[in-house]
Amino acid sequence: MRFPSSSVLALGLIGPALAYPKPGATKRGSPNPTRAAAVKAAFQTSWNAYHHFAFPHDDLHPVSNSFDDERNGWGSSAIDGLDTAILMGDADIVNTILQYVPQINFTTTAVANQGSSVFETNIRYLGGLLSAYDLLRGPFSSLATNQTLVNSLLRQAQTLANGLKVAFTTPSGVPDPTVFFNPTVRRSGASSNNVAEIGSLVLEWTRLSDLTGNPQYAQLAQKGESYLLNPKGSPEAWPGLIGTFVSTSNGTFQDSSGSWSGLMDSFYEYLIKMYLYDPVAFAHYKDRWVLGADSTIGHLGSHPSTRKDLTFLSSYNGQSTSPNSGHLASFGGGNFILGGILLNEQKYIDFGIKLASSYFGTYTQTASGIGPEGFAWVDSVTGAGGSPPSSQSGFYSSAGFWVTAPYYILRPETLESLYYAYRVTGDSKWQDLAWEALSAIEDACRAGSAYSSINDVTQANGGGASDDMESFWFAEALKYAYLIFAEESDVQVQATGGNKFVFNTEAHPFSIRSSSRRGGHLA
């Protein structure tokens, strides 16, 4: 990895770090300051480029050194990356962002009639503000030079949520997927929303209620969630595996199709994470996760015909499955591992380990060493999936999948599952696999002033840079990469219990509900 930080290079850290040992049999891992420093250097390189060429806009285009305001121009890379800078102990970056936060006008957008995705705004901005508040009021309080600026994190989160509340003014309370702040605050009037965007609000909005003492935020999100916990309309494909789209008028399901990928993924993720947040108040969320997890193991786990050692997650339409998946679904390994930790159920940990290893296998088989956005295979039992394109038949024979979408946009989900696999096993091989992935990303994605999405992972050079660095590079990819090598802290996932934080789907850690407040169900 050619991390260009002069301080790291001067210390001679990069060369030794690259000489990582081959994964061995259950070699016990430990913090690796050399690799952690290298990841921090990559973060600083990315931040310095963003700060110079794009701040306070949303995302940097590192090749052209231009920017976009795709997330409403509120500085998504800064807010999304704040808690990563906190965990890395970079006080300069932390305080630079803290000084910016009170200047954001979350009540409007610079562009008239620019829609705000409720889901994306929630997980990136609201999640980033709340996480930074929890961390800077807790174990990392020494980093902030001005406590008033820390308090502004919560005030700004509340201002933003007060604007987003209009999404819940549908006849059912199922949130509208899009709202507008300029020239008037209004919702889009969409007739439906998908379960990821409905079911991935409850953690952030419940945390906001707990921090502000205003129960309304939790009540709104939990009412929307209630339609997913008690599904009506189009039936579940199997117990716990629901459809994708829900009517905003009456909360009924409009289909019985789904997957662990886009439009659905973080709904399943949040079920078990709400149980971690408060195992008393959200025990019924855990029960729904167990139903879905057991049905996933029984019906969606699929082995490719040419690589029966691999396990991927099929999509489904009713009880008909389709062997296709992608980078987004690779978070599933980590989610099963977390569920196994919290429920003391080895079967979930074992399945999660299989998924983590198999989805990482999509990295090792490509010429670039990075997994593709989408892929497919032939199911070894049913034969579903047809056959690979003739141009990829040889590749499928050895790899166990063929590529359907060859690009990579700096996604974090595979690194996320490697992190959970390391935390539960303590086996250093997972650290080595993460370093292998990071080395490939460094080689293919280092472009211009920072790091860029690439066009084609099947080419050794990544097929060229597509000139985009989304905020989740700061928030997720580099955070999970750092934590897998970092020292122990209150934020780290604990395999033996006693977890103090829960990560939202954008990898923003929130303090779990204190024991004195357990059972305070607001819905």
Protein backbone atom coordinates (compact mmCIF):
# COMPACT_ATOMS: atom_id res chain seq x y z
CA MET A 1 0.00 0.00 0.00
CA ARG A 2 1.55 3.28 -0.96
CA PHE A 3 0.11 5.50 1.76
CA PRO A 4 1.66 8.89 1.00
CA SER A 5 1.83 10.32 4.50
CA SER A 6 5.34 11.67 4.91
CA SER A 7 5.27 11.06 8.66
CA VAL A 8 4.47 7.40 8.21
CA LEU A 9 7.01 6.98 5.44
CA ALA A 10 9.64 8.69 7.57
CA LEU A 11 9.07 6.17 10.32
CA GLY A 12 9.56 3.34 7.86
CA LEU A 13 6.17 1.84 8.63
CA ILE A 14 4.91 0.95 5.21
CA GLY A 15 7.49 -1.55 4.04
CA PRO A 16 7.31 -3.84 7.07
CA ALA A 17 3.53 -3.63 7.10
CA LEU A 18 3.30 -4.93 3.57
CA ALA A 19 5.17 -8.07 4.50
CA TYR A 20 2.18 -9.52 6.27
CA PRO A 21 2.33 -13.20 7.03
CA LYS A 22 0.20 -15.67 5.16
CA PRO A 23 -2.99 -16.47 7.07
CA GLY A 24 -2.15 -19.18 9.52
CA ALA A 25 -4.12 -21.62 11.60
CA THR A 26 -5.74 -19.80 14.53
CA LYS A 27 -2.79 -17.51 15.20
CA ARG A 28 -4.02 -15.15 17.89
CA GLY A 29 -4.25 -11.59 16.68
CA SER A 30 -3.39 -8.44 18.57
CA PRO A 31 -3.47 -4.71 17.86
CA ASN A 32 -1.15 -3.78 15.01
CA PRO A 33 0.00 -0.15 15.40
CA THR A 34 1.92 -0.23 12.12
CA ARG A 35 -1.12 -1.12 10.04
CA ALA A 36 -3.42 1.11 12.08
CA ALA A 37 -1.07 4.03 11.37
CA ALA A 38 -1.12 3.23 7.67
CA VAL A 39 -4.94 3.28 7.59
CA LYS A 40 -4.92 6.56 9.51
CA ALA A 41 -2.51 7.97 6.93
CA ALA A 42 -4.95 7.01 4.16
CA PHE A 43 -7.72 8.80 6.04
CA GLN A 44 -5.58 11.90 6.44
CA THR A 45 -4.64 11.87 2.76
CA SER A 46 -8.32 11.63 1.84
CA TRP A 47 -9.33 14.34 4.30
CA ASN A 48 -6.57 16.74 3.23
CA ALA A 49 -7.63 16.43 -0.39
CA TYR A 50 -11.31 16.82 0.44
CA HIS A 51 -10.62 19.79 2.74
CA HIS A 52 -8.47 21.53 0.12
CA PHE A 53 -10.60 20.94 -2.97
CA ALA A 54 -14.16 20.28 -1.78
CA PHE A 55 -14.93 21.33 1.80
CA PRO A 56 -17.60 22.25 2.87
CA HIS A 57 -19.33 20.61 -0.09
CA ASP A 58 -20.39 16.97 0.03
CA ASP A 59 -18.01 14.77 -1.96
CA LEU A 60 -14.62 15.17 -3.60
CA HIS A 61 -13.92 14.08 -7.17
CA PRO A 62 -10.24 13.32 -6.61
CA VAL A 63 -9.05 13.09 -10.22
CA SER A 64 -10.56 16.37 -11.43
CA ASN A 65 -10.28 17.90 -7.95
CA SER A 66 -13.87 19.09 -8.17
CA PHE A 67 -16.87 18.35 -5.96
CA ASP A 68 -20.57 17.62 -5.86
CA ASP A 69 -23.44 18.38 -3.49
CA GLU A 70 -25.37 15.16 -4.01
CA ARG A 71 -26.31 15.08 -0.30
CA ASN A 72 -27.79 18.60 -0.24
CA GLY A 73 -24.54 20.47 0.23
CA TRP A 74 -24.36 20.17 4.00
CA GLY A 75 -20.84 18.69 3.97
CA SER A 76 -21.58 14.96 4.02
CA SER A 77 -17.94 13.84 3.90
CA ALA A 78 -17.12 16.02 6.91
CA ILE A 79 -20.07 14.92 9.03
CA ASP A 80 -19.81 11.28 7.92
CA GLY A 81 -16.08 11.21 8.63
CA LEU A 82 -16.12 13.04 11.97
CA ASP A 83 -16.39 10.02 14.24
CA THR A 84 -13.68 8.17 12.28
CA ALA A 85 -11.36 11.09 12.98
CA ILE A 86 -12.42 10.87 16.63
CA LEU A 87 -11.62 7.16 16.86
CA MET A 88 -8.26 7.80 15.18
CA GLY A 89 -7.50 10.55 17.70
CA ASP A 90 -6.91 13.25 15.08
CA ALA A 91 -7.76 16.35 17.12
CA ASP A 92 -7.00 18.80 14.30
CA ILE A 93 -9.54 17.24 11.95
CA VAL A 94 -12.06 16.76 14.76
CA ASN A 95 -11.97 20.40 15.82
CA THR A 96 -12.02 21.66 12.25
CA ILE A 97 -15.27 19.80 11.65
CA LEU A 98 -16.70 20.84 15.03
CA GLN A 99 -16.18 24.50 14.11
CA TYR A 100 -18.08 23.92 10.88
CA VAL A 101 -21.11 22.12 12.32
CA PRO A 102 -22.92 25.17 13.79
CA GLN A 103 -22.67 26.91 10.39
CA ILE A 104 -24.78 24.30 8.58
CA ASN A 105 -28.32 25.39 7.76
CA PHE A 106 -30.23 22.13 8.00
CA THR A 107 -33.55 23.93 7.44
CA THR A 108 -33.06 24.49 3.72
CA THR A 109 -31.09 23.46 0.66
CA ALA A 110 -29.11 25.82 -1.56
CA VAL A 111 -30.86 24.38 -4.61
CA ALA A 112 -34.62 24.81 -4.79
CA ASN A 113 -36.65 21.60 -5.07
CA GLN A 114 -33.63 19.39 -4.42
CA GLY A 115 -34.95 16.27 -2.72
CA SER A 116 -33.43 14.93 0.46
CA SER A 117 -33.33 11.16 0.83
CA VAL A 118 -34.69 10.50 4.31
CA PHE A 119 -32.65 7.29 4.54
CA GLU A 120 -29.32 8.73 3.36
CA THR A 121 -29.75 11.93 5.36
CA ASN A 122 -30.56 9.85 8.42
CA ILE A 123 -27.69 7.38 8.28
CA ARG A 124 -24.99 9.87 7.23
CA TYR A 125 -25.87 13.24 8.77
CA LEU A 126 -28.11 12.38 11.72
CA GLY A 127 -26.06 9.29 12.50
CA GLY A 128 -22.77 11.15 12.20
CA LEU A 129 -23.88 13.99 14.47
CA LEU A 130 -25.27 11.70 17.18
CA SER A 131 -22.27 9.38 17.13
CA ALA A 132 -19.79 12.24 17.44
CA TYR A 133 -21.85 13.63 20.33
CA ASP A 134 -21.81 10.28 22.15
CA LEU A 135 -18.07 9.82 21.62
CA LEU A 136 -17.07 13.37 22.55
CA ARG A 137 -19.27 13.35 25.63
CA GLY A 138 -17.89 9.93 26.52
CA PRO A 139 -14.59 8.11 26.02
CA PHE A 140 -13.05 10.66 23.62
CA SER A 141 -14.04 13.87 25.42
CA SER A 142 -10.45 15.07 25.63
CA LEU A 143 -10.28 15.63 21.86
CA ALA A 144 -12.71 18.55 21.80
CA THR A 145 -11.32 21.97 22.64
CA ASN A 146 -14.75 23.63 22.96
CA GLN A 147 -17.61 21.87 24.75
CA THR A 148 -20.12 24.34 23.32
CA LEU A 149 -19.29 23.01 19.86
CA VAL A 150 -19.88 19.46 21.09
CA ASN A 151 -23.33 20.49 22.33
CA SER A 152 -24.07 21.94 18.90
CA LEU A 153 -23.87 18.42 17.48
CA LEU A 154 -27.05 17.45 19.32
CA ARG A 155 -28.78 20.74 18.58
CA GLN A 156 -28.09 20.38 14.88
CA ALA A 157 -29.24 16.75 14.91
CA GLN A 158 -32.54 17.87 16.43
CA THR A 159 -32.92 20.67 13.88
CA LEU A 160 -32.37 18.21 11.05
CA ALA A 161 -34.81 15.65 12.48
CA ASN A 162 -37.44 18.37 12.95
CA GLY A 163 -37.29 18.99 9.21
CA LEU A 164 -37.30 15.31 8.31
CA LYS A 165 -40.40 14.67 10.47
CA VAL A 166 -42.62 15.70 7.56
CA ALA A 167 -41.78 12.32 5.98
CA PHE A 168 -43.95 10.60 8.59
CA THR A 169 -47.10 12.61 7.76
CA THR A 170 -48.37 9.87 5.45
CA PRO A 171 -51.80 8.34 6.16
CA SER A 172 -50.14 5.25 7.69
CA GLY A 173 -47.07 6.78 9.30
CA VAL A 174 -44.83 4.78 6.95
CA PRO A 175 -42.24 7.44 6.05
CA ASP A 176 -42.08 8.98 2.60
CA PRO A 177 -38.66 8.26 1.07
CA THR A 178 -38.00 11.87 0.03
CA VAL A 179 -38.59 15.29 1.55
CA PHE A 180 -37.96 18.83 0.35
CA PHE A 181 -36.86 21.82 2.42
CA ASN A 182 -36.79 24.53 -0.26
CA PRO A 183 -38.95 26.51 -1.02
CA THR A 184 -41.27 24.78 1.48
CA VAL A 185 -40.92 21.79 3.79
CA ARG A 186 -42.91 18.96 2.24
CA ARG A 187 -42.77 15.27 1.38
CA SER A 188 -42.72 13.82 -2.12
CA GLY A 189 -46.07 12.05 -1.95
CA ALA A 190 -44.62 8.67 -2.97
CA SER A 191 -47.11 5.82 -2.80
CA SER A 192 -44.59 3.34 -1.39
CA ASN A 193 -41.23 2.99 0.31
CA ASN A 194 -38.78 0.10 0.61
CA VAL A 195 -38.09 -1.72 3.86
CA ALA A 196 -34.46 -0.64 4.15
CA GLU A 197 -35.47 3.01 4.07
CA ILE A 198 -38.35 2.43 6.51
CA GLY A 199 -36.51 0.06 8.84
CA SER A 200 -33.18 1.89 9.06
CA LEU A 201 -34.41 4.94 10.94
CA VAL A 202 -35.36 3.42 14.26
CA LEU A 203 -31.90 3.29 15.85
CA GLU A 204 -31.03 6.91 15.13
CA TRP A 205 -34.43 8.34 16.03
CA THR A 206 -34.67 6.32 19.24
CA ARG A 207 -31.20 7.49 20.22
CA LEU A 208 -32.22 11.09 19.49
CA SER A 209 -35.24 10.73 21.79
CA ASP A 210 -33.08 9.31 24.54
CA LEU A 211 -30.58 12.16 24.26
CA THR A 212 -33.12 14.98 24.02
CA GLY A 213 -35.87 13.61 26.27
CA ASN A 214 -38.39 14.14 23.47
CA PRO A 215 -40.19 10.81 22.82
CA GLN A 216 -41.70 11.94 19.51
CA TYR A 217 -38.69 10.99 17.38
CA ALA A 218 -38.68 7.39 18.60
CA GLN A 219 -42.47 7.14 18.34
CA LEU A 220 -42.44 8.21 14.69
CA ALA A 221 -39.72 5.77 13.63
CA GLN A 222 -41.08 2.89 15.71
CA LYS A 223 -44.55 3.33 14.22
CA GLY A 224 -43.11 3.04 10.72
CA GLU A 225 -41.14 -0.02 11.85
CA SER A 226 -44.28 -1.63 13.29
CA TYR A 227 -45.58 -2.39 9.80
CA LEU A 228 -42.41 -4.38 9.10
CA LEU A 229 -42.57 -6.27 12.39
CA ASN A 230 -46.22 -7.23 11.84
CA PRO A 231 -46.44 -7.57 8.06
CA LYS A 232 -49.78 -7.54 6.25
CA GLY A 233 -50.65 -7.67 2.58
CA SER A 234 -48.43 -9.73 0.30
CA PRO A 235 -47.25 -12.67 2.44
CA GLU A 236 -43.77 -13.37 3.76
CA ALA A 237 -41.79 -15.67 1.50
CA TRP A 238 -40.69 -17.61 4.60
CA PRO A 239 -41.02 -16.67 8.27
CA GLY A 240 -39.18 -13.41 8.82
CA LEU A 241 -38.32 -12.86 5.14
CA ILE A 242 -40.60 -10.07 4.03
CA GLY A 243 -41.19 -8.26 0.76
CA THR A 244 -39.51 -5.08 -0.42
CA PHE A 245 -42.13 -2.37 -0.93
CA VAL A 246 -44.72 -1.10 1.54
CA SER A 247 -47.66 1.20 0.87
CA THR A 248 -47.41 4.61 2.51
CA SER A 249 -51.21 4.84 2.59
CA ASN A 250 -51.97 1.75 4.70
CA GLY A 251 -48.67 0.02 5.51
CA THR A 252 -49.38 -3.19 3.58
CA PHE A 253 -46.73 -5.10 1.65
CA GLN A 254 -46.96 -4.90 -2.13
CA ASP A 255 -44.74 -7.88 -2.99
CA SER A 256 -43.02 -10.95 -1.55
CA SER A 257 -39.59 -10.39 -3.10
CA GLY A 258 -36.35 -9.54 -1.37
CA SER A 259 -32.71 -10.19 -0.53
CA TRP A 260 -29.95 -9.19 1.90
CA SER A 261 -28.85 -6.56 -0.59
CA GLY A 262 -30.04 -3.08 -1.54
CA LEU A 263 -33.58 -1.93 -0.60
CA MET A 264 -33.72 -4.50 2.23
CA ASP A 265 -30.30 -5.05 3.80
CA SER A 266 -30.20 -2.70 6.77
CA PHE A 267 -33.75 -3.57 7.85
CA TYR A 268 -32.46 -7.00 8.90
CA GLU A 269 -29.30 -5.40 10.27
CA TYR A 270 -31.22 -3.09 12.61
CA LEU A 271 -33.42 -5.81 14.09
CA ILE A 272 -30.57 -7.35 16.05
CA LYS A 273 -28.88 -4.00 16.62
CA MET A 274 -31.97 -2.61 18.34
CA TYR A 275 -31.80 -5.63 20.64
CA LEU A 276 -28.21 -4.68 21.44
CA TYR A 277 -29.33 -1.10 22.08
CA ASP A 278 -31.92 -2.28 24.63
CA PRO A 279 -32.55 -6.04 24.97
CA VAL A 280 -35.65 -5.50 27.09
CA ALA A 281 -37.55 -2.91 25.08
CA PHE A 282 -36.61 -4.45 21.75
CA ALA A 283 -36.80 -8.17 22.46
CA HIS A 284 -39.49 -8.49 19.79
CA TYR A 285 -37.07 -7.03 17.21
CA LYS A 286 -34.67 -9.83 18.13
CA ASP A 287 -37.43 -12.41 17.65
CA ARG A 288 -38.05 -11.13 14.13
CA TRP A 289 -34.33 -11.24 13.38
CA VAL A 290 -34.16 -14.86 14.53
CA LEU A 291 -37.05 -15.78 12.23
CA GLY A 292 -35.38 -14.10 9.27
CA ALA A 293 -31.94 -15.47 10.11
CA ASP A 294 -33.18 -19.06 10.40
CA SER A 295 -35.10 -18.76 7.13
CA THR A 296 -32.03 -17.26 5.47
CA ILE A 297 -29.85 -20.17 6.57
CA GLY A 298 -32.50 -22.66 5.47
CA HIS A 299 -33.51 -21.16 2.13
CA LEU A 300 -31.15 -18.43 0.90
CA GLY A 301 -27.72 -19.87 1.68
CA SER A 302 -26.48 -21.17 -1.68
CA HIS A 303 -23.36 -23.00 -2.83
CA PRO A 304 -22.08 -22.44 -6.41
CA SER A 305 -21.98 -25.53 -8.59
CA THR A 306 -18.25 -25.13 -9.24
CA ARG A 307 -17.28 -24.09 -5.69
CA LYS A 308 -19.43 -25.86 -3.14
CA ASP A 309 -17.09 -24.62 -0.44
CA LEU A 310 -18.52 -21.10 -0.87
CA THR A 311 -21.77 -19.78 0.63
CA PHE A 312 -23.57 -16.79 -0.86
CA LEU A 313 -27.04 -15.34 -0.20
CA SER A 314 -29.61 -15.70 -2.96
CA SER A 315 -32.43 -13.25 -3.60
CA TYR A 316 -36.03 -14.46 -3.58
CA ASN A 317 -39.40 -13.89 -5.19
CA GLY A 318 -41.91 -15.73 -3.07
CA GLN A 319 -40.34 -19.13 -2.53
CA SER A 320 -38.42 -18.99 -5.80
CA THR A 321 -34.75 -18.12 -5.26
CA SER A 322 -32.29 -16.55 -7.66
CA PRO A 323 -28.53 -17.04 -7.18
CA ASN A 324 -27.30 -13.48 -7.45
CA SER A 325 -25.76 -11.14 -4.91
CA GLY A 326 -23.32 -8.30 -4.58
CA HIS A 327 -20.98 -6.23 -2.49
CA LEU A 328 -23.79 -4.72 -0.40
CA ALA A 329 -24.88 -8.15 0.84
CA SER A 330 -21.40 -8.97 2.11
CA PHE A 331 -22.27 -7.17 5.37
CA GLY A 332 -24.44 -10.21 6.18
CA GLY A 333 -21.51 -12.17 7.58
CA GLY A 334 -20.89 -9.52 10.20
CA ASN A 335 -24.56 -9.24 11.07
CA PHE A 336 -24.91 -13.00 11.64
CA ILE A 337 -21.76 -12.95 13.78
CA LEU A 338 -23.16 -10.10 15.88
CA GLY A 339 -26.43 -11.97 16.30
CA GLY A 340 -24.54 -15.07 17.39
CA ILE A 341 -22.54 -13.07 19.94
CA LEU A 342 -25.62 -11.41 21.44
CA LEU A 343 -27.72 -14.58 21.52
CA ASN A 344 -24.88 -16.95 22.40
CA GLU A 345 -25.78 -19.04 19.37
CA GLN A 346 -22.84 -20.66 17.63
CA LYS A 347 -24.86 -21.56 14.52
CA TYR A 348 -25.20 -17.87 13.63
CA ILE A 349 -21.50 -17.24 14.21
CA ASP A 350 -20.58 -20.24 12.07
CA PHE A 351 -22.87 -19.12 9.24
CA GLY A 352 -21.52 -15.58 9.50
CA ILE A 353 -17.94 -16.85 9.27
CA LYS A 354 -18.84 -18.80 6.11
CA LEU A 355 -20.36 -15.70 4.57
CA ALA A 356 -17.44 -13.47 5.54
CA SER A 357 -14.96 -15.90 4.02
CA SER A 358 -17.00 -16.50 0.87
CA TYR A 359 -17.70 -12.86 0.09
CA PHE A 360 -14.03 -12.07 0.64
CA GLY A 361 -13.43 -14.78 -1.95
CA THR A 362 -14.91 -12.43 -4.56
CA TYR A 363 -11.88 -10.22 -3.89
CA THR A 364 -9.24 -12.89 -4.24
CA GLN A 365 -10.53 -14.15 -7.60
CA THR A 366 -10.51 -10.91 -9.59
CA ALA A 367 -7.47 -9.46 -11.36
CA SER A 368 -7.60 -6.32 -9.22
CA GLY A 369 -8.05 -8.17 -5.94
CA ILE A 370 -11.31 -6.31 -5.25
CA GLY A 371 -14.83 -7.72 -5.25
CA PRO A 372 -17.38 -6.54 -7.83
CA GLU A 373 -20.59 -4.63 -7.21
CA GLY A 374 -22.69 -7.55 -8.50
CA PHE A 375 -22.21 -11.22 -9.29
CA ALA A 376 -24.13 -14.44 -9.95
CA TRP A 377 -23.64 -18.21 -9.89
CA VAL A 378 -25.39 -21.53 -10.53
CA ASP A 379 -26.95 -23.07 -7.42
CA SER A 380 -25.38 -26.48 -6.78
CA VAL A 381 -28.68 -28.03 -5.62
CA THR A 382 -31.40 -26.56 -7.82
CA GLY A 383 -29.37 -25.61 -10.87
CA ALA A 384 -31.00 -22.19 -10.81
CA GLY A 385 -29.00 -19.36 -12.31
CA GLY A 386 -28.68 -20.59 -15.86
CA SER A 387 -25.11 -20.50 -17.08
CA PRO A 388 -22.36 -17.91 -17.11
CA PRO A 389 -21.65 -15.84 -20.21
CA SER A 390 -19.27 -17.70 -22.49
CA SER A 391 -16.62 -15.07 -21.86
CA GLN A 392 -16.67 -15.92 -18.13
CA SER A 393 -17.18 -19.68 -18.19
CA GLY A 394 -13.55 -20.41 -17.37
CA PHE A 395 -13.57 -17.82 -14.64
CA TYR A 396 -16.73 -19.33 -13.14
CA SER A 397 -15.14 -22.78 -13.05
CA SER A 398 -12.41 -21.60 -10.72
CA ALA A 399 -14.01 -18.64 -8.94
CA GLY A 400 -17.53 -19.94 -8.26
CA PHE A 401 -19.23 -16.76 -9.56
CA TRP A 402 -19.32 -14.53 -12.58
CA VAL A 403 -19.35 -10.76 -12.58
CA THR A 404 -22.58 -8.95 -13.46
CA ALA A 405 -21.56 -5.43 -12.36
CA PRO A 406 -17.77 -4.93 -12.50
CA TYR A 407 -17.35 -1.56 -10.79
CA TYR A 408 -16.27 -0.78 -7.21
CA ILE A 409 -17.24 2.45 -5.44
CA LEU A 410 -15.11 2.16 -2.26
CA ARG A 411 -17.77 0.07 -0.54
CA PRO A 412 -17.03 -1.07 3.03
CA GLU A 413 -19.24 -4.13 3.58
CA THR A 414 -16.61 -6.83 3.03
CA LEU A 415 -14.20 -5.10 5.40
CA GLU A 416 -17.08 -4.82 7.89
CA SER A 417 -17.59 -8.58 7.97
CA LEU A 418 -13.86 -9.24 8.21
CA TYR A 419 -13.86 -6.96 11.26
CA TYR A 420 -16.64 -8.91 12.99
CA ALA A 421 -14.99 -12.23 12.09
CA TYR A 422 -11.77 -11.05 13.70
CA ARG A 423 -13.52 -9.75 16.80
CA VAL A 424 -15.35 -13.03 17.43
CA THR A 425 -12.47 -15.41 16.66
CA GLY A 426 -9.39 -13.39 17.57
CA ASP A 427 -7.72 -15.17 14.63
CA SER A 428 -5.08 -12.98 13.00
CA LYS A 429 -5.90 -14.39 9.58
CA TRP A 430 -8.85 -12.00 9.40
CA GLN A 431 -6.50 -9.09 9.99
CA ASP A 432 -4.32 -10.39 7.19
CA LEU A 433 -7.27 -10.73 4.83
CA ALA A 434 -8.33 -7.18 5.62
CA TRP A 435 -4.82 -5.97 4.90
CA GLU A 436 -4.83 -7.88 1.63
CA ALA A 437 -8.08 -6.15 0.64
CA LEU A 438 -6.73 -2.75 1.67
CA SER A 439 -3.55 -3.32 -0.32
CA ALA A 440 -5.61 -4.08 -3.43
CA ILE A 441 -7.76 -0.98 -2.88
CA GLU A 442 -4.62 1.12 -2.46
CA ASP A 443 -3.17 -0.20 -5.72
CA ALA A 444 -6.32 0.18 -7.82
CA CYS A 445 -8.14 3.13 -6.25
CA ARG A 446 -5.40 5.58 -5.30
CA ALA A 447 -5.98 8.26 -7.92
CA GLY A 448 -5.43 11.99 -8.19
CA SER A 449 -5.42 13.68 -4.82
CA ALA A 450 -7.06 10.83 -2.87
CA TYR A 451 -8.99 7.61 -3.62
CA SER A 452 -11.53 6.97 -6.35
CA SER A 453 -14.18 4.50 -7.37
CA ILE A 454 -13.07 2.32 -10.29
CA ASN A 455 -14.76 0.97 -13.39
CA ASP A 456 -13.80 -2.69 -13.65
CA VAL A 457 -12.39 -4.94 -10.94
CA THR A 458 -11.76 -7.69 -13.50
CA GLN A 459 -8.86 -5.64 -14.84
CA ALA A 460 -5.62 -5.56 -12.89
CA ASN A 461 -5.56 -1.76 -12.85
CA GLY A 462 -9.24 -1.47 -11.95
CA GLY A 463 -10.26 -0.31 -15.38
CA GLY A 464 -9.59 3.34 -14.61
CA ALA A 465 -10.86 5.77 -12.02
CA SER A 466 -14.46 6.99 -12.24
CA ASP A 467 -13.55 10.08 -10.19
CA ASP A 468 -15.80 9.78 -7.15
CA MET A 469 -15.09 9.39 -3.44
CA GLU A 470 -18.34 8.99 -1.52
CA SER A 471 -18.55 9.90 2.14
CA PHE A 472 -18.84 6.27 3.25
CA TRP A 473 -15.16 5.88 2.39
CA PHE A 474 -14.50 8.10 5.44
CA ALA A 475 -17.33 6.77 7.58
CA GLU A 476 -17.18 3.03 6.98
CA ALA A 477 -14.37 1.59 4.88
CA LEU A 478 -11.55 3.35 6.68
CA LYS A 479 -13.21 3.03 10.09
CA TYR A 480 -13.62 -0.76 9.92
CA ALA A 481 -10.13 -1.04 8.43
CA TYR A 482 -8.71 0.98 11.30
CA LEU A 483 -10.61 -0.81 14.06
CA ILE A 484 -9.45 -4.26 12.97
CA PHE A 485 -5.86 -3.16 13.79
CA ALA A 486 -6.53 -0.62 16.56
CA GLU A 487 -6.08 -0.89 20.30
CA GLU A 488 -8.93 -2.04 22.51
CA SER A 489 -11.48 0.63 23.42
CA ASP A 490 -15.07 0.98 24.58
CA VAL A 491 -16.18 1.19 20.95
CA GLN A 492 -14.75 -2.15 19.84
CA VAL A 493 -17.19 -5.06 19.43
CA GLN A 494 -16.78 -7.50 22.33
CA ALA A 495 -17.19 -11.20 21.62
CA THR A 496 -17.83 -12.10 25.25
CA GLY A 497 -20.46 -9.47 26.02
CA GLY A 498 -20.35 -6.11 27.70
CA ASN A 499 -20.70 -4.13 24.48
CA LYS A 500 -21.08 -0.42 25.16
CA PHE A 501 -21.73 0.82 21.61
CA VAL A 502 -23.79 -0.23 18.60
CA PHE A 503 -22.91 0.74 15.04
CA ASN A 504 -25.54 2.09 12.68
CA THR A 505 -25.49 0.98 9.06
CA GLU A 506 -23.08 3.82 8.21
CA ALA A 507 -20.69 2.55 10.95
CA HIS A 508 -21.55 5.38 13.34
CA PRO A 509 -21.24 4.05 16.93
CA PHE A 510 -23.93 5.07 19.45
CA SER A 511 -23.83 4.48 23.18
CA ILE A 512 -26.31 1.76 24.05
CA ARG A 513 -29.22 2.60 26.33
CA SER A 514 -28.16 2.61 29.97
CA SER A 515 -29.43 -0.15 32.24
CA SER A 516 -31.40 2.39 34.28
CA ARG A 517 -33.53 3.12 31.22
CA ARG A 518 -33.93 -0.43 29.94
CA GLY A 519 -37.45 -1.43 28.98
CA GLY A 520 -38.60 2.09 28.21
CA HIS A 521 -40.45 1.21 25.02
CA LEU A 522 -41.82 4.40 23.52
CA ALA A 523 -44.06 3.10 20.78
